[in-house]
C-alpha cells in the first residue's frame, strides 16, 4: 500500500470541475444518490467507489476514464512523493546524511 490514486486530482481532470463541497456534494453532482451518513468510514468508501465506477463506466458527456497509474505514493524513505520531506531527502547527498547520523550518535553519547 505504498501507492495510491488521489481521486480529487482525477475527478477535477475528468469532469473539469473542482471537487468542492465534500464527498456528498461530489456524488450528488454526478446525479448519484449519496448513501448513508457522512463521515462513516465504510459509507464514505462506498460513495467514493460509486464515483470511481461512474468515472470508469463513463457517460455521454465525459466518456470513460482509464486509471493508468497511481497519482501518489511513498518514496524509499516512506515520505509521500513531492512532500517537503521527500524533496529535502533528495537534495541531501548520501555523504551529508552519513555525517548527520554520525553527529546525532555523538550527541546522544554525550
PDB file of N, CA and C in Angstrom:
ATOM      1  N   UNK A   1       0.816  -1.191   0.000  1.00  0.00           N
ATOM      2  CA  UNK A   1       0.000   0.000   0.000  1.00  0.00           C
ATOM      3  C   UNK A   1       0.864   1.262   0.000  1.00  0.00           C
ATOM      4  N   UNK A   2       1.875   1.281  -0.857  1.00  0.00           N
ATOM      5  CA  UNK A   2       2.746   2.447  -0.897  1.00  0.00           C
ATOM      6  C   UNK A   2       2.471   3.343  -2.099  1.00  0.00           C
ATOM      7  N   UNK A   3       1.416   3.032  -2.852  1.00  0.00           N
ATOM      8  CA  UNK A   3       0.989   3.884  -3.962  1.00  0.00           C
ATOM      9  C   UNK A   3      -0.536   3.965  -3.952  1.00  0.00           C
ATOM     10  N   UNK A   4      -1.046   5.101  -4.357  1.00  0.00           N
ATOM     11  CA  UNK A   4      -2.488   5.271  -4.373  1.00  0.00           C
ATOM     12  C   UNK A   4      -2.878   6.326  -5.394  1.00  0.00           C
ATOM     13  N   UNK A   5      -4.167   6.466  -5.591  1.00  0.00           N
ATOM     14  CA  UNK A   5      -4.721   7.440  -6.521  1.00  0.00           C
ATOM     15  C   UNK A   5      -5.352   8.560  -5.707  1.00  0.00           C
ATOM     16  N   UNK A   6      -5.020   9.785  -6.038  1.00  0.00           N
ATOM     17  CA  UNK A   6      -5.665  10.943  -5.422  1.00  0.00           C
ATOM     18  C   UNK A   6      -6.890  11.252  -6.272  1.00  0.00           C
ATOM     19  N   UNK A   7      -8.032  10.783  -5.820  1.00  0.00           N
ATOM     20  CA  UNK A   7      -9.256  10.894  -6.607  1.00  0.00           C
ATOM     21  C   UNK A   7      -9.660  12.343  -6.867  1.00  0.00           C
ATOM     22  N   UNK A   8      -9.317  13.260  -5.958  1.00  0.00           N
ATOM     23  CA  UNK A   8      -9.658  14.668  -6.185  1.00  0.00           C
ATOM     24  C   UNK A   8      -8.981  15.196  -7.444  1.00  0.00           C
ATOM     25  N   UNK A   9      -7.726  14.817  -7.637  1.00  0.00           N
ATOM     26  CA  UNK A   9      -6.990  15.260  -8.833  1.00  0.00           C
ATOM     27  C   UNK A   9      -7.645  14.690 -10.090  1.00  0.00           C
ATOM     28  N   UNK A  10      -7.957  13.408 -10.068  1.00  0.00           N
ATOM     29  CA  UNK A  10      -8.537  12.759 -11.248  1.00  0.00           C
ATOM     30  C   UNK A  10      -9.973  13.205 -11.498  1.00  0.00           C
ATOM     31  N   UNK A  11     -10.722  13.457 -10.440  1.00  0.00           N
ATOM     32  CA  UNK A  11     -12.081  13.981 -10.566  1.00  0.00           C
ATOM     33  C   UNK A  11     -12.034  15.315 -11.302  1.00  0.00           C
ATOM     34  N   UNK A  12     -11.136  16.203 -10.864  1.00  0.00           N
ATOM     35  CA  UNK A  12     -11.006  17.523 -11.488  1.00  0.00           C
ATOM     36  C   UNK A  12     -10.593  17.391 -12.954  1.00  0.00           C
ATOM     37  N   UNK A  13      -9.661  16.493 -13.225  1.00  0.00           N
ATOM     38  CA  UNK A  13      -9.180  16.300 -14.593  1.00  0.00           C
ATOM     39  C   UNK A  13     -10.283  15.731 -15.501  1.00  0.00           C
ATOM     40  N   UNK A  14     -11.028  14.767 -14.980  1.00  0.00           N
ATOM     41  CA  UNK A  14     -12.048  14.099 -15.800  1.00  0.00           C
ATOM     42  C   UNK A  14     -13.290  14.957 -16.009  1.00  0.00           C
ATOM     43  N   UNK A  15     -13.816  15.509 -14.921  1.00  0.00           N
ATOM     44  CA  UNK A  15     -15.076  16.255 -15.002  1.00  0.00           C
ATOM     45  C   UNK A  15     -14.877  17.752 -15.251  1.00  0.00           C
ATOM     46  N   UNK A  16     -13.627  18.187 -15.219  1.00  0.00           N
ATOM     47  CA  UNK A  16     -13.293  19.596 -15.429  1.00  0.00           C
ATOM     48  C   UNK A  16     -14.016  20.506 -14.428  1.00  0.00           C
ATOM     49  N   UNK A  17     -14.120  20.007 -13.202  1.00  0.00           N
ATOM     50  CA  UNK A  17     -14.752  20.751 -12.106  1.00  0.00           C
ATOM     51  C   UNK A  17     -13.957  20.490 -10.844  1.00  0.00           C
ATOM     52  N   UNK A  18     -13.897  21.492  -9.984  1.00  0.00           N
ATOM     53  CA  UNK A  18     -13.280  21.311  -8.676  1.00  0.00           C
ATOM     54  C   UNK A  18     -14.176  20.407  -7.830  1.00  0.00           C
ATOM     55  N   UNK A  19     -13.601  19.476  -7.109  1.00  0.00           N
ATOM     56  CA  UNK A  19     -14.412  18.643  -6.217  1.00  0.00           C
ATOM     57  C   UNK A  19     -14.732  19.392  -4.923  1.00  0.00           C
ATOM     58  N   UNK A  20     -15.617  20.372  -5.010  1.00  0.00           N
ATOM     59  CA  UNK A  20     -15.958  21.231  -3.869  1.00  0.00           C
ATOM     60  C   UNK A  20     -17.150  20.685  -3.109  1.00  0.00           C
ATOM     61  N   UNK A  21     -17.223  21.054  -1.836  1.00  0.00           N
ATOM     62  CA  UNK A  21     -18.402  20.754  -1.043  1.00  0.00           C
ATOM     63  C   UNK A  21     -18.404  19.402  -0.363  1.00  0.00           C
ATOM     64  N   UNK A  22     -17.311  18.691  -0.413  1.00  0.00           N
ATOM     65  CA  UNK A  22     -17.233  17.401   0.254  1.00  0.00           C
ATOM     66  C   UNK A  22     -17.708  16.249  -0.617  1.00  0.00           C
ATOM     67  N   UNK A  23     -17.598  15.072  -0.063  1.00  0.00           N
ATOM     68  CA  UNK A  23     -17.927  13.851  -0.788  1.00  0.00           C
ATOM     69  C   UNK A  23     -19.395  13.815  -1.218  1.00  0.00           C
ATOM     70  N   UNK A  24     -20.283  14.180  -0.333  1.00  0.00           N
ATOM     71  CA  UNK A  24     -21.713  14.131  -0.658  1.00  0.00           C
ATOM     72  C   UNK A  24     -22.033  15.022  -1.851  1.00  0.00           C
ATOM     73  N   UNK A  25     -21.508  16.227  -1.872  1.00  0.00           N
ATOM     74  CA  UNK A  25     -21.759  17.152  -2.989  1.00  0.00           C
ATOM     75  C   UNK A  25     -21.203  16.589  -4.294  1.00  0.00           C
ATOM     76  N   UNK A  26     -20.025  15.970  -4.230  1.00  0.00           N
ATOM     77  CA  UNK A  26     -19.421  15.398  -5.443  1.00  0.00           C
ATOM     78  C   UNK A  26     -20.249  14.242  -5.986  1.00  0.00           C
ATOM     79  N   UNK A  27     -20.739  13.404  -5.093  1.00  0.00           N
ATOM     80  CA  UNK A  27     -21.580  12.274  -5.506  1.00  0.00           C
ATOM     81  C   UNK A  27     -22.863  12.795  -6.147  1.00  0.00           C
ATOM     82  N   UNK A  28     -23.527  13.718  -5.488  1.00  0.00           N
ATOM     83  CA  UNK A  28     -24.798  14.231  -5.986  1.00  0.00           C
ATOM     84  C   UNK A  28     -24.639  15.049  -7.269  1.00  0.00           C
ATOM     85  N   UNK A  29     -23.494  15.710  -7.435  1.00  0.00           N
ATOM     86  CA  UNK A  29     -23.226  16.479  -8.651  1.00  0.00           C
ATOM     87  C   UNK A  29     -23.207  15.573  -9.881  1.00  0.00           C
ATOM     88  N   UNK A  30     -22.865  14.301  -9.672  1.00  0.00           N
ATOM     89  CA  UNK A  30     -22.830  13.334 -10.776  1.00  0.00           C
ATOM     90  C   UNK A  30     -24.188  12.690 -11.028  1.00  0.00           C
ATOM     91  N   UNK A  31     -25.191  13.089 -10.261  1.00  0.00           N
ATOM     92  CA  UNK A  31     -26.522  12.517 -10.433  1.00  0.00           C
ATOM     93  C   UNK A  31     -26.698  11.207  -9.687  1.00  0.00           C
ATOM     94  N   UNK A  32     -25.753  10.901  -8.798  1.00  0.00           N
ATOM     95  CA  UNK A  32     -25.835   9.684  -7.996  1.00  0.00           C
ATOM     96  C   UNK A  32     -26.470  10.013  -6.659  1.00  0.00           C
ATOM     97  N   UNK A  33     -26.911   8.991  -5.967  1.00  0.00           N
ATOM     98  CA  UNK A  33     -27.510   9.166  -4.651  1.00  0.00           C
ATOM     99  C   UNK A  33     -26.467   8.883  -3.584  1.00  0.00           C
ATOM    100  N   UNK A  34     -26.291   9.833  -2.685  1.00  0.00           N
ATOM    101  CA  UNK A  34     -25.376   9.632  -1.571  1.00  0.00           C
ATOM    102  C   UNK A  34     -26.026   8.662  -0.609  1.00  0.00           C
ATOM    103  N   UNK A  35     -25.339   7.575  -0.326  1.00  0.00           N
ATOM    104  CA  UNK A  35     -25.886   6.532   0.549  1.00  0.00           C
ATOM    105  C   UNK A  35     -25.323   6.675   1.957  1.00  0.00           C
ATOM    106  N   UNK A  36     -26.205   6.655   2.964  1.00  0.00           N
ATOM    107  CA  UNK A  36     -25.760   6.604   4.348  1.00  0.00           C
ATOM    108  C   UNK A  36     -25.439   7.942   4.971  1.00  0.00           C
ATOM    109  N   UNK A  37     -24.700   7.852   6.074  1.00  0.00           N
ATOM    110  CA  UNK A  37     -24.353   9.006   6.905  1.00  0.00           C
ATOM    111  C   UNK A  37     -22.932   9.447   6.585  1.00  0.00           C
ATOM    112  N   UNK A  38     -22.735  10.733   6.374  1.00  0.00           N
ATOM    113  CA  UNK A  38     -21.408  11.268   6.045  1.00  0.00           C
ATOM    114  C   UNK A  38     -20.423  10.997   7.175  1.00  0.00           C
ATOM    115  N   UNK A  39     -19.174  10.834   6.817  1.00  0.00           N
ATOM    116  CA  UNK A  39     -18.049  10.631   7.727  1.00  0.00           C
ATOM    117  C   UNK A  39     -18.073   9.283   8.436  1.00  0.00           C
ATOM    118  N   UNK A  40     -18.819   8.339   7.927  1.00  0.00           N
ATOM    119  CA  UNK A  40     -18.758   6.957   8.375  1.00  0.00           C
ATOM    120  C   UNK A  40     -17.780   6.273   7.408  1.00  0.00           C
ATOM    121  N   UNK A  41     -16.722   5.673   7.901  1.00  0.00           N
ATOM    122  CA  UNK A  41     -15.660   5.136   7.057  1.00  0.00           C
ATOM    123  C   UNK A  41     -16.141   4.202   5.964  1.00  0.00           C
ATOM    124  N   UNK A  42     -16.994   3.246   6.312  1.00  0.00           N
ATOM    125  CA  UNK A  42     -17.488   2.279   5.331  1.00  0.00           C
ATOM    126  C   UNK A  42     -18.391   2.966   4.307  1.00  0.00           C
ATOM    127  N   UNK A  43     -19.258   3.836   4.777  1.00  0.00           N
ATOM    128  CA  UNK A  43     -20.181   4.551   3.882  1.00  0.00           C
ATOM    129  C   UNK A  43     -19.402   5.463   2.944  1.00  0.00           C
ATOM    130  N   UNK A  44     -18.425   6.194   3.471  1.00  0.00           N
ATOM    131  CA  UNK A  44     -17.614   7.070   2.618  1.00  0.00           C
ATOM    132  C   UNK A  44     -16.863   6.256   1.564  1.00  0.00           C
ATOM    133  N   UNK A  45     -16.390   5.077   1.948  1.00  0.00           N
ATOM    134  CA  UNK A  45     -15.700   4.206   0.982  1.00  0.00           C
ATOM    135  C   UNK A  45     -16.633   3.773  -0.141  1.00  0.00           C
ATOM    136  N   UNK A  46     -17.859   3.440   0.215  1.00  0.00           N
ATOM    137  CA  UNK A  46     -18.835   3.018  -0.807  1.00  0.00           C
ATOM    138  C   UNK A  46     -19.194   4.173  -1.743  1.00  0.00           C
ATOM    139  N   UNK A  47     -19.362   5.353  -1.181  1.00  0.00           N
ATOM    140  CA  UNK A  47     -19.686   6.512  -2.013  1.00  0.00           C
ATOM    141  C   UNK A  47     -18.503   6.907  -2.901  1.00  0.00           C
ATOM    142  N   UNK A  48     -17.288   6.768  -2.385  1.00  0.00           N
ATOM    143  CA  UNK A  48     -16.097   7.016  -3.196  1.00  0.00           C
ATOM    144  C   UNK A  48     -16.030   6.012  -4.330  1.00  0.00           C
ATOM    145  N   UNK A  49     -16.320   4.760  -4.026  1.00  0.00           N
ATOM    146  CA  UNK A  49     -16.335   3.718  -5.060  1.00  0.00           C
ATOM    147  C   UNK A  49     -17.389   4.026  -6.129  1.00  0.00           C
ATOM    148  N   UNK A  50     -18.500   4.613  -5.734  1.00  0.00           N
ATOM    149  CA  UNK A  50     -19.541   4.985  -6.704  1.00  0.00           C
ATOM    150  C   UNK A  50     -19.008   6.032  -7.686  1.00  0.00           C
ATOM    151  N   UNK A  51     -18.217   6.974  -7.186  1.00  0.00           N
ATOM    152  CA  UNK A  51     -17.605   7.970  -8.067  1.00  0.00           C
ATOM    153  C   UNK A  51     -16.636   7.285  -9.034  1.00  0.00           C
ATOM    154  N   UNK A  52     -15.798   6.403  -8.517  1.00  0.00           N
ATOM    155  CA  UNK A  52     -14.826   5.686  -9.350  1.00  0.00           C
ATOM    156  C   UNK A  52     -15.536   4.890 -10.439  1.00  0.00           C
ATOM    157  N   UNK A  53     -16.604   4.176 -10.081  1.00  0.00           N
ATOM    158  CA  UNK A  53     -17.361   3.411 -11.076  1.00  0.00           C
ATOM    159  C   UNK A  53     -17.983   4.324 -12.123  1.00  0.00           C
ATOM    160  N   UNK A  54     -18.502   5.456 -11.690  1.00  0.00           N
ATOM    161  CA  UNK A  54     -19.088   6.418 -12.627  1.00  0.00           C
ATOM    162  C   UNK A  54     -18.030   6.896 -13.614  1.00  0.00           C
ATOM    163  N   UNK A  55     -16.832   7.163 -13.108  1.00  0.00           N
ATOM    164  CA  UNK A  55     -15.742   7.605 -13.978  1.00  0.00           C
ATOM    165  C   UNK A  55     -15.337   6.498 -14.955  1.00  0.00           C
ATOM    166  N   UNK A  56     -15.209   5.284 -14.440  1.00  0.00           N
ATOM    167  CA  UNK A  56     -14.755   4.163 -15.277  1.00  0.00           C
ATOM    168  C   UNK A  56     -15.795   3.773 -16.331  1.00  0.00           C
ATOM    169  N   UNK A  57     -17.060   3.815 -15.952  1.00  0.00           N
ATOM    170  CA  UNK A  57     -18.121   3.456 -16.907  1.00  0.00           C
ATOM    171  C   UNK A  57     -18.338   4.563 -17.935  1.00  0.00           C
ATOM    172  N   UNK A  58     -18.095   5.774 -17.510  1.00  0.00           N
ATOM    173  CA  UNK A  58     -18.238   6.898 -18.418  1.00  0.00           C
ATOM    174  C   UNK A  58     -19.672   7.358 -18.564  1.00  0.00           C
ATOM    175  N   UNK A  59     -19.808   8.418 -19.345  1.00  0.00           N
ATOM    176  CA  UNK A  59     -21.127   8.983 -19.627  1.00  0.00           C
ATOM    177  C   UNK A  59     -21.083   9.583 -21.018  1.00  0.00           C
ATOM    178  N   UNK A  60     -22.240   9.949 -21.522  1.00  0.00           N
ATOM    179  CA  UNK A  60     -22.310  10.562 -22.851  1.00  0.00           C
ATOM    180  C   UNK A  60     -21.459  11.842 -22.892  1.00  0.00           C
ATOM    181  N   UNK A  61     -21.463  12.582 -21.815  1.00  0.00           N
ATOM    182  CA  UNK A  61     -20.787  13.862 -21.774  1.00  0.00           C
ATOM    183  C   UNK A  61     -19.272  13.739 -21.578  1.00  0.00           C
ATOM    184  N   UNK A  62     -18.848  12.796 -20.727  1.00  0.00           N
ATOM    185  CA  UNK A  62     -17.439  12.732 -20.360  1.00  0.00           C
ATOM    186  C   UNK A  62     -16.689  11.501 -20.866  1.00  0.00           C
ATOM    187  N   UNK A  63     -17.380  10.474 -21.298  1.00  0.00           N
ATOM    188  CA  UNK A  63     -16.684   9.260 -21.727  1.00  0.00           C
ATOM    189  C   UNK A  63     -16.115   8.524 -20.524  1.00  0.00           C
ATOM    190  N   UNK A  64     -15.464   7.400 -20.784  1.00  0.00           N
ATOM    191  CA  UNK A  64     -14.927   6.625 -19.668  1.00  0.00           C
ATOM    192  C   UNK A  64     -13.516   7.079 -19.335  1.00  0.00           C
ATOM    193  N   UNK A  65     -13.150   6.876 -18.110  1.00  0.00           N
ATOM    194  CA  UNK A  65     -11.837   7.267 -17.610  1.00  0.00           C
ATOM    195  C   UNK A  65     -11.028   6.009 -17.358  1.00  0.00           C
ATOM    196  N   UNK A  66      -9.774   5.995 -17.780  1.00  0.00           N
ATOM    197  CA  UNK A  66      -8.902   4.854 -17.545  1.00  0.00           C
ATOM    198  C   UNK A  66      -7.886   5.234 -16.478  1.00  0.00           C
ATOM    199  N   UNK A  67      -7.868   4.471 -15.408  1.00  0.00           N
ATOM    200  CA  UNK A  67      -6.908   4.676 -14.333  1.00  0.00           C
ATOM    201  C   UNK A  67      -5.622   3.960 -14.732  1.00  0.00           C
ATOM    202  N   UNK A  68      -4.620   4.718 -15.154  1.00  0.00           N
ATOM    203  CA  UNK A  68      -3.394   4.126 -15.691  1.00  0.00           C
ATOM    204  C   UNK A  68      -2.298   3.933 -14.666  1.00  0.00           C
ATOM    205  N   UNK A  69      -2.172   4.865 -13.748  1.00  0.00           N
ATOM    206  CA  UNK A  69      -1.093   4.788 -12.774  1.00  0.00           C
ATOM    207  C   UNK A  69      -1.485   5.539 -11.513  1.00  0.00           C
ATOM    208  N   UNK A  70      -0.823   5.238 -10.414  1.00  0.00           N
ATOM    209  CA  UNK A  70      -1.118   5.968  -9.183  1.00  0.00           C
ATOM    210  C   UNK A  70      -0.693   7.422  -9.303  1.00  0.00           C
ATOM    211  N   UNK A  71      -1.385   8.275  -8.600  1.00  0.00           N
ATOM    212  CA  UNK A  71      -1.024   9.688  -8.598  1.00  0.00           C
ATOM    213  C   UNK A  71      -0.178  10.029  -7.385  1.00  0.00           C
ATOM    214  N   UNK A  72      -0.190   9.188  -6.407  1.00  0.00           N
ATOM    215  CA  UNK A  72       0.581   9.423  -5.179  1.00  0.00           C
ATOM    216  C   UNK A  72       1.254   8.127  -4.749  1.00  0.00           C
ATOM    217  N   UNK A  73       2.268   8.272  -3.943  1.00  0.00           N
ATOM    218  CA  UNK A  73       2.973   7.113  -3.432  1.00  0.00           C
ATOM    219  C   UNK A  73       4.010   7.536  -2.416  1.00  0.00           C
ATOM    220  N   UNK A  74       4.764   6.562  -1.935  1.00  0.00           N
ATOM    221  CA  UNK A  74       5.795   6.812  -0.955  1.00  0.00           C
ATOM    222  C   UNK A  74       7.163   6.559  -1.566  1.00  0.00           C
ATOM    223  N   UNK A  75       8.122   7.395  -1.198  1.00  0.00           N
ATOM    224  CA  UNK A  75       9.483   7.171  -1.674  1.00  0.00           C
ATOM    225  C   UNK A  75      10.154   6.110  -0.803  1.00  0.00           C
ATOM    226  N   UNK A  76      11.433   5.840  -1.047  1.00  0.00           N
ATOM    227  CA  UNK A  76      12.123   4.771  -0.318  1.00  0.00           C
ATOM    228  C   UNK A  76      12.285   5.087   1.169  1.00  0.00           C
ATOM    229  N   UNK A  77      12.110   6.352   1.552  1.00  0.00           N
ATOM    230  CA  UNK A  77      12.204   6.743   2.954  1.00  0.00           C
ATOM    231  C   UNK A  77      10.846   6.769   3.647  1.00  0.00           C
ATOM    232  N   UNK A  78       9.786   6.470   2.910  1.00  0.00           N
ATOM    233  CA  UNK A  78       8.452   6.444   3.491  1.00  0.00           C
ATOM    234  C   UNK A  78       7.720   7.766   3.460  1.00  0.00           C
ATOM    235  N   UNK A  79       8.284   8.769   2.758  1.00  0.00           N
ATOM    236  CA  UNK A  79       7.617  10.061   2.629  1.00  0.00           C
ATOM    237  C   UNK A  79       6.810  10.096   1.335  1.00  0.00           C
ATOM    238  N   UNK A  80       5.713  10.841   1.330  1.00  0.00           N
ATOM    239  CA  UNK A  80       4.881  10.972   0.130  1.00  0.00           C
ATOM    240  C   UNK A  80       5.668  11.667  -0.967  1.00  0.00           C
ATOM    241  N   UNK A  81       5.553  11.153  -2.202  1.00  0.00           N
ATOM    242  CA  UNK A  81       6.221  11.784  -3.334  1.00  0.00           C
ATOM    243  C   UNK A  81       5.857  13.257  -3.381  1.00  0.00           C
ATOM    244  N   UNK A  82       6.830  14.105  -3.581  1.00  0.00           N
ATOM    245  CA  UNK A  82       6.586  15.533  -3.720  1.00  0.00           C
ATOM    246  C   UNK A  82       6.427  16.280  -2.414  1.00  0.00           C
ATOM    247  N   UNK A  83       6.423  15.569  -1.282  1.00  0.00           N
ATOM    248  CA  UNK A  83       6.274  16.254   0.004  1.00  0.00           C
ATOM    249  C   UNK A  83       7.562  16.995   0.345  1.00  0.00           C
ATOM    250  N   UNK A  84       7.481  17.910   1.301  1.00  0.00           N
ATOM    251  CA  UNK A  84       8.668  18.666   1.718  1.00  0.00           C
ATOM    252  C   UNK A  84       9.769  17.712   2.187  1.00  0.00           C
ATOM    253  N   UNK A  85       9.394  16.692   2.952  1.00  0.00           N
ATOM    254  CA  UNK A  85      10.382  15.753   3.464  1.00  0.00           C
ATOM    255  C   UNK A  85      11.049  14.983   2.339  1.00  0.00           C
ATOM    256  N   UNK A  86      10.266  14.545   1.370  1.00  0.00           N
ATOM    257  CA  UNK A  86      10.806  13.783   0.249  1.00  0.00           C
ATOM    258  C   UNK A  86      11.772  14.634  -0.563  1.00  0.00           C
ATOM    259  N   UNK A  87      11.392  15.889  -0.826  1.00  0.00           N
ATOM    260  CA  UNK A  87      12.275  16.778  -1.594  1.00  0.00           C
ATOM    261  C   UNK A  87      13.548  17.075  -0.817  1.00  0.00           C
ATOM    262  N   UNK A  88      13.418  17.244   0.498  1.00  0.00           N
ATOM    263  CA  UNK A  88      14.590  17.524   1.324  1.00  0.00           C
ATOM    264  C   UNK A  88      15.549  16.339   1.308  1.00  0.00           C
ATOM    265  N   UNK A  89      15.029  15.145   1.367  1.00  0.00           N
ATOM    266  CA  UNK A  89      15.874  13.951   1.349  1.00  0.00           C
ATOM    267  C   UNK A  89      16.563  13.798   0.001  1.00  0.00           C
ATOM    268  N   UNK A  90      15.891  14.179  -1.083  1.00  0.00           N
ATOM    269  CA  UNK A  90      16.505  14.100  -2.410  1.00  0.00           C
ATOM    270  C   UNK A  90      17.681  15.056  -2.527  1.00  0.00           C
ATOM    271  N   UNK A  91      17.545  16.241  -1.922  1.00  0.00           N
ATOM    272  CA  UNK A  91      18.597  17.257  -2.015  1.00  0.00           C
ATOM    273  C   UNK A  91      19.833  16.869  -1.229  1.00  0.00           C
ATOM    274  N   UNK A  92      19.637  16.093  -0.174  1.00  0.00           N
ATOM    275  CA  UNK A  92      20.778  15.705   0.654  1.00  0.00           C
ATOM    276  C   UNK A  92      21.535  14.563  -0.013  1.00  0.00           C
ATOM    277  N   UNK A  93      22.819  14.694  -0.048  1.00  0.00           N
ATOM    278  CA  UNK A  93      23.642  13.627  -0.629  1.00  0.00           C
ATOM    279  C   UNK A  93      23.826  12.518   0.398  1.00  0.00           C
ATOM    280  N   UNK A  94      24.153  11.316  -0.038  1.00  0.00           N
ATOM    281  CA  UNK A  94      24.406  10.226   0.909  1.00  0.00           C
ATOM    282  C   UNK A  94      25.516  10.572   1.893  1.00  0.00           C
ATOM    283  N   UNK A  95      26.518  11.356   1.451  1.00  0.00           N
ATOM    284  CA  UNK A  95      27.620  11.737   2.336  1.00  0.00           C
ATOM    285  C   UNK A  95      27.128  12.615   3.473  1.00  0.00           C
ATOM    286  N   UNK A  96      26.290  13.610   3.156  1.00  0.00           N
ATOM    287  CA  UNK A  96      25.804  14.509   4.197  1.00  0.00           C
ATOM    288  C   UNK A  96      24.883  13.775   5.163  1.00  0.00           C
ATOM    289  N   UNK A  97      24.139  12.797   4.658  1.00  0.00           N
ATOM    290  CA  UNK A  97      23.280  12.004   5.549  1.00  0.00           C
ATOM    291  C   UNK A  97      24.123  11.217   6.525  1.00  0.00           C
ATOM    292  N   UNK A  98      25.229  10.662   6.041  1.00  0.00           N
ATOM    293  CA  UNK A  98      26.122   9.903   6.910  1.00  0.00           C
ATOM    294  C   UNK A  98      26.701  10.766   8.007  1.00  0.00           C
ATOM    295  N   UNK A  99      27.107  12.005   7.677  1.00  0.00           N
ATOM    296  CA  UNK A  99      27.656  12.934   8.659  1.00  0.00           C
ATOM    297  C   UNK A  99      26.616  13.286   9.704  1.00  0.00           C
ATOM    298  N   UNK A 100      25.378  13.538   9.261  1.00  0.00           N
ATOM    299  CA  UNK A 100      24.311  13.890  10.201  1.00  0.00           C
ATOM    300  C   UNK A 100      24.045  12.749  11.162  1.00  0.00           C
ATOM    301  N   UNK A 101      24.057  11.523  10.663  1.00  0.00           N
ATOM    302  CA  UNK A 101      23.814  10.364  11.525  1.00  0.00           C
ATOM    303  C   UNK A 101      24.942  10.207  12.531  1.00  0.00           C
ATOM    304  N   UNK A 102      26.195  10.412  12.093  1.00  0.00           N
ATOM    305  CA  UNK A 102      27.338  10.317  12.999  1.00  0.00           C
ATOM    306  C   UNK A 102      27.249  11.382  14.084  1.00  0.00           C
ATOM    307  N   UNK A 103      26.896  12.625  13.687  1.00  0.00           N
ATOM    308  CA  UNK A 103      26.760  13.711  14.652  1.00  0.00           C
ATOM    309  C   UNK A 103      25.648  13.425  15.643  1.00  0.00           C
ATOM    310  N   UNK A 104      24.570  12.838  15.159  1.00  0.00           N
ATOM    311  CA  UNK A 104      23.441  12.513  16.022  1.00  0.00           C
ATOM    312  C   UNK A 104      23.848  11.465  17.054  1.00  0.00           C
ATOM    313  N   UNK A 105      24.594  10.475  16.622  1.00  0.00           N
ATOM    314  CA  UNK A 105      25.059   9.420  17.543  1.00  0.00           C
ATOM    315  C   UNK A 105      25.982  10.006  18.595  1.00  0.00           C
ATOM    316  N   UNK A 106      26.891  10.905  18.171  1.00  0.00           N
ATOM    317  CA  UNK A 106      27.843  11.516  19.107  1.00  0.00           C
ATOM    318  C   UNK A 106      27.133  12.360  20.154  1.00  0.00           C
ATOM    319  N   UNK A 107      26.111  13.125  19.734  1.00  0.00           N
ATOM    320  CA  UNK A 107      25.387  13.977  20.675  1.00  0.00           C
ATOM    321  C   UNK A 107      24.591  13.150  21.666  1.00  0.00           C
ATOM    322  N   UNK A 108      24.153  11.980  21.267  1.00  0.00           N
ATOM    323  CA  UNK A 108      23.401  11.110  22.192  1.00  0.00           C
ATOM    324  C   UNK A 108      24.330  10.503  23.222  1.00  0.00           C
ATOM    325  N   UNK A 109      25.586  10.257  22.850  1.00  0.00           N
ATOM    326  CA  UNK A 109      26.563   9.682  23.774  1.00  0.00           C
ATOM    327  C   UNK A 109      26.970  10.672  24.853  1.00  0.00           C
ATOM    328  N   UNK A 110      26.917  11.951  24.506  1.00  0.00           N
ATOM    329  CA  UNK A 110      27.405  12.987  25.455  1.00  0.00           C
ATOM    330  C   UNK A 110      26.452  13.234  26.582  1.00  0.00           C
TER     331      UNK A 110
END
